[in-house]
Amino acid sequence: MNFNKEFLRLYAVTDRAWTGTLSLKEQIEQALKGGVTCVQLREKELSLTEFAKEAAEIQALCRRYNTPFLINDNVELAVACNADGVHVGQSDMAAGAVRKKIGREKILGVSVQTLQQAIAAQQQGADYLGVGAVFTTATKLDADFVSLTTLQEICRTVTIPVVAIGGINRSNLLQLSETGIEGVALVSAIFASTNITQECGELMGLVKQAVGK
């Protein structure tokens, strides 16, 4: 799948901590119906066998909705299941090594917190950057905080698109206006909602205001 920066508009990152009466697959389908533009499957507790089975199911679902499917961190699994791409952090495999493993056709996203990390990730072949946490988040307690000034500086400096992540919800999303981002990556703002499809539609309206498109 050829990368398009519009994939980043409303980027859903999964977290099974928010599953209740619905399964993770059901939650993701509701999000897809609501208009999410990308899905990243993030699993830290599942065994590799369970993760691979789940990845195959979610990938098939995303393909039905013609939406990019990325896997967090596990580069080998992303290659094995032919995911559309992979997203890695600073403590994961280096971006340059990931690019060699997945090839030029797959999407590569890299989490960064500083301008230096952003420049390095771009030089090593990243297609986009995830910058954050831009707000306090309970989803990832060890996340480094990134000021909106730094976010803006990164967006001005790099030539690849940037998605903001971390603690973003409908009450603070518009604070990201004029920072230069192409979209937002959301976890609880989507998956903690009691009506995910409706919530995604409303969030997309805010995203369009924030990015000015």
Protein backbone atom coordinates (compact mmCIF):
# COMPACT_ATOMS: atom_id res chain seq x y z
CA MET A 1 0.00 0.00 0.00
CA ASN A 2 1.45 3.36 -1.03
CA PHE A 3 1.73 5.76 1.88
CA ASN A 4 -0.50 8.81 1.91
CA LYS A 5 -0.32 11.43 4.67
CA GLU A 6 -4.12 11.42 4.86
CA PHE A 7 -3.82 7.97 6.46
CA LEU A 8 -2.75 9.86 9.60
CA ARG A 9 -5.86 12.01 10.03
CA LEU A 10 -7.66 9.82 12.59
CA TYR A 11 -5.21 7.11 13.59
CA ALA A 12 -6.53 4.45 15.97
CA VAL A 13 -4.08 2.68 18.29
CA THR A 14 -5.58 -0.36 20.01
CA ASP A 15 -5.51 -1.12 23.71
CA ARG A 16 -7.46 -4.11 24.99
CA ALA A 17 -7.64 -2.47 28.43
CA TRP A 18 -10.69 -0.63 27.08
CA THR A 19 -12.57 -3.70 25.86
CA GLY A 20 -15.78 -4.28 27.80
CA THR A 21 -18.91 -5.80 26.37
CA LEU A 22 -17.37 -5.65 22.89
CA SER A 23 -14.38 -7.63 21.66
CA LEU A 24 -11.35 -5.77 20.33
CA LYS A 25 -12.33 -6.76 16.80
CA GLU A 26 -15.84 -5.39 17.31
CA GLN A 27 -14.44 -2.15 18.70
CA ILE A 28 -12.12 -1.76 15.71
CA GLU A 29 -14.96 -2.36 13.28
CA GLN A 30 -17.02 0.33 14.98
CA ALA A 31 -14.04 2.68 14.66
CA LEU A 32 -13.66 1.82 10.97
CA LYS A 33 -17.35 2.54 10.43
CA GLY A 34 -16.79 5.89 12.15
CA GLY A 35 -14.06 6.84 9.70
CA VAL A 36 -10.68 6.07 11.28
CA THR A 37 -8.00 6.34 8.61
CA CYS A 38 -5.40 3.94 10.02
CA VAL A 39 -5.30 1.13 12.61
CA GLN A 40 -2.24 0.20 14.64
CA LEU A 41 -2.48 -3.10 16.52
CA ARG A 42 -0.58 -2.82 19.79
CA GLU A 43 -0.26 -5.86 22.04
CA LYS A 44 2.23 -6.15 24.88
CA GLU A 45 0.85 -9.15 26.78
CA LEU A 46 -0.29 -11.70 24.19
CA SER A 47 1.83 -14.68 23.22
CA LEU A 48 3.28 -14.58 19.71
CA THR A 49 0.81 -17.24 18.57
CA GLU A 50 -2.18 -15.29 19.90
CA PHE A 51 -0.79 -12.04 18.53
CA ALA A 52 -0.34 -13.57 15.07
CA LYS A 53 -3.89 -14.95 15.06
CA GLU A 54 -5.33 -11.63 16.14
CA ALA A 55 -3.22 -9.74 13.58
CA ALA A 56 -4.60 -11.90 10.76
CA GLU A 57 -8.19 -11.20 11.86
CA ILE A 58 -7.72 -7.44 12.24
CA GLN A 59 -5.79 -7.19 9.01
CA ALA A 60 -8.64 -8.88 7.12
CA LEU A 61 -11.10 -6.47 8.74
CA CYS A 62 -9.03 -3.41 7.80
CA ARG A 63 -8.74 -4.61 4.21
CA ARG A 64 -12.52 -4.81 3.97
CA TYR A 65 -12.60 -1.12 4.84
CA ASN A 66 -9.56 -0.29 2.67
CA THR A 67 -7.76 1.10 5.73
CA PRO A 68 -4.03 0.72 6.44
CA PHE A 69 -3.14 -1.88 9.07
CA LEU A 70 0.09 -1.47 11.05
CA ILE A 71 1.64 -3.51 13.81
CA ASN A 72 3.34 -1.94 16.79
CA ASP A 73 6.92 -2.96 17.53
CA ASN A 74 6.93 -6.56 16.25
CA VAL A 75 8.74 -6.19 12.93
CA GLU A 76 9.01 -9.92 12.30
CA LEU A 77 5.26 -10.42 12.72
CA ALA A 78 4.52 -7.44 10.49
CA VAL A 79 6.62 -9.04 7.74
CA ALA A 80 5.18 -12.51 8.31
CA CYS A 81 1.55 -11.41 8.09
CA ASN A 82 2.19 -8.92 5.28
CA ALA A 83 0.86 -5.98 7.28
CA ASP A 84 0.78 -2.62 5.53
CA GLY A 85 3.46 -1.39 7.86
CA VAL A 86 5.00 -1.22 11.32
CA HIS A 87 5.43 1.42 14.00
CA VAL A 88 8.46 1.40 16.30
CA GLY A 89 9.63 3.42 19.27
CA GLN A 90 13.03 4.63 20.38
CA SER A 91 13.63 1.49 22.45
CA ASP A 92 12.66 -0.86 19.60
CA MET A 93 14.63 -1.86 16.50
CA ALA A 94 16.35 1.13 14.86
CA ALA A 95 14.40 2.68 12.00
CA GLY A 96 17.12 1.99 9.45
CA ALA A 97 17.21 -1.70 10.34
CA VAL A 98 13.41 -1.87 10.21
CA ARG A 99 13.38 -0.32 6.75
CA LYS A 100 15.81 -2.97 5.51
CA LYS A 101 13.58 -5.74 6.87
CA ILE A 102 10.24 -4.46 5.56
CA GLY A 103 11.41 -3.04 2.23
CA ARG A 104 10.52 0.23 0.55
CA GLU A 105 6.86 -0.55 -0.12
CA LYS A 106 5.73 -0.91 3.49
CA ILE A 107 4.81 1.97 5.81
CA LEU A 108 7.28 2.81 8.58
CA GLY A 109 6.30 5.01 11.50
CA VAL A 110 8.66 6.02 14.30
CA SER A 111 7.89 7.52 17.72
CA VAL A 112 10.08 10.50 18.60
CA GLN A 113 10.27 13.02 21.41
CA THR A 114 13.03 15.38 20.25
CA LEU A 115 14.03 17.22 17.11
CA GLN A 116 17.24 15.19 16.90
CA GLN A 117 15.31 11.92 17.02
CA ALA A 118 12.92 13.23 14.38
CA ILE A 119 15.71 14.15 11.97
CA ALA A 120 17.42 10.79 12.51
CA ALA A 121 14.21 8.84 11.91
CA GLN A 122 13.58 10.72 8.68
CA GLN A 123 17.13 10.06 7.49
CA GLN A 124 16.72 6.34 8.26
CA GLY A 125 13.63 5.97 6.10
CA ALA A 126 10.58 6.71 8.25
CA ASP A 127 7.42 7.59 6.32
CA TYR A 128 5.91 9.48 9.23
CA LEU A 129 6.64 10.40 12.84
CA GLY A 130 4.52 9.92 15.96
CA VAL A 131 5.32 12.75 18.37
CA GLY A 132 4.28 12.68 22.00
CA ALA A 133 3.05 12.46 24.60
CA VAL A 134 1.67 15.93 23.88
CA PHE A 135 -0.71 15.75 26.85
CA THR A 136 -0.75 13.71 30.06
CA THR A 137 -1.83 10.17 29.29
CA ALA A 138 -2.89 7.24 31.46
CA THR A 139 -2.51 4.84 28.52
CA LYS A 140 1.29 4.89 28.58
CA LEU A 141 2.56 5.93 31.99
CA ASP A 142 6.23 5.90 30.96
CA ALA A 143 5.68 8.23 27.99
CA ASP A 144 7.97 11.25 27.77
CA PHE A 145 6.16 14.59 27.60
CA VAL A 146 6.68 16.69 24.47
CA SER A 147 5.75 20.38 24.55
CA LEU A 148 3.63 21.90 21.79
CA THR A 149 6.61 24.13 21.00
CA THR A 150 8.77 21.08 20.32
CA LEU A 151 5.98 19.48 18.32
CA GLN A 152 5.74 22.60 16.18
CA GLU A 153 9.52 22.73 15.74
CA ILE A 154 9.60 19.12 14.57
CA CYS A 155 6.77 19.74 12.10
CA ARG A 156 8.57 22.78 10.69
CA THR A 157 11.90 20.99 10.33
CA VAL A 158 11.14 17.55 8.87
CA THR A 159 9.66 16.97 5.43
CA ILE A 160 7.70 13.83 6.36
CA PRO A 161 4.27 14.09 8.02
CA VAL A 162 3.78 14.12 11.77
CA VAL A 163 0.98 12.67 13.88
CA ALA A 164 0.54 13.81 17.48
CA ILE A 165 -0.12 11.21 20.18
CA GLY A 166 -0.65 11.07 23.91
CA GLY A 167 -3.63 12.13 26.01
CA ILE A 168 -5.50 13.66 23.07
CA ASN A 169 -9.27 13.85 23.32
CA ARG A 170 -12.13 16.01 22.14
CA SER A 171 -11.56 18.59 24.91
CA ASN A 172 -7.94 19.36 24.00
CA LEU A 173 -7.60 18.34 20.35
CA LEU A 174 -8.04 21.86 19.00
CA GLN A 175 -5.04 23.00 21.07
CA LEU A 176 -2.99 21.24 18.37
CA SER A 177 -4.21 23.67 15.70
CA GLU A 178 -1.42 25.40 13.74
CA THR A 179 1.28 23.06 15.05
CA GLY A 180 1.71 21.55 11.59
CA ILE A 181 0.49 18.03 12.34
CA GLU A 182 -1.28 15.93 9.72
CA GLY A 183 -3.41 14.04 12.23
CA VAL A 184 -3.78 12.54 15.68
CA ALA A 185 -3.22 9.04 17.06
CA LEU A 186 -5.82 8.15 19.66
CA VAL A 187 -6.33 5.31 22.10
CA SER A 188 -8.83 5.89 24.92
CA ALA A 189 -10.50 8.80 23.13
CA ILE A 190 -11.76 6.17 20.70
CA PHE A 191 -11.87 2.86 22.53
CA ALA A 192 -13.19 4.09 25.89
CA SER A 193 -16.23 5.58 24.18
CA THR A 194 -19.64 3.98 24.64
CA ASN A 195 -20.47 4.77 21.00
CA ILE A 196 -17.22 4.40 19.08
CA THR A 197 -18.67 5.00 15.62
CA GLN A 198 -20.33 8.27 16.61
CA GLU A 199 -17.30 9.39 18.61
CA CYS A 200 -14.97 8.83 15.65
CA GLY A 201 -17.21 10.93 13.42
CA GLU A 202 -17.13 13.80 15.90
CA LEU A 203 -13.38 13.46 16.44
CA MET A 204 -12.78 13.59 12.69
CA GLY A 205 -14.62 16.90 12.56
CA LEU A 206 -12.25 18.29 15.19
CA VAL A 207 -9.21 16.85 13.40
CA LYS A 208 -10.17 18.62 10.19
CA GLN A 209 -10.39 21.90 12.10
CA ALA A 210 -7.02 21.29 13.79
CA VAL A 211 -5.10 20.44 10.62
CA GLY A 212 -6.96 23.03 8.57
CA LYS A 213 -8.03 20.57 5.87
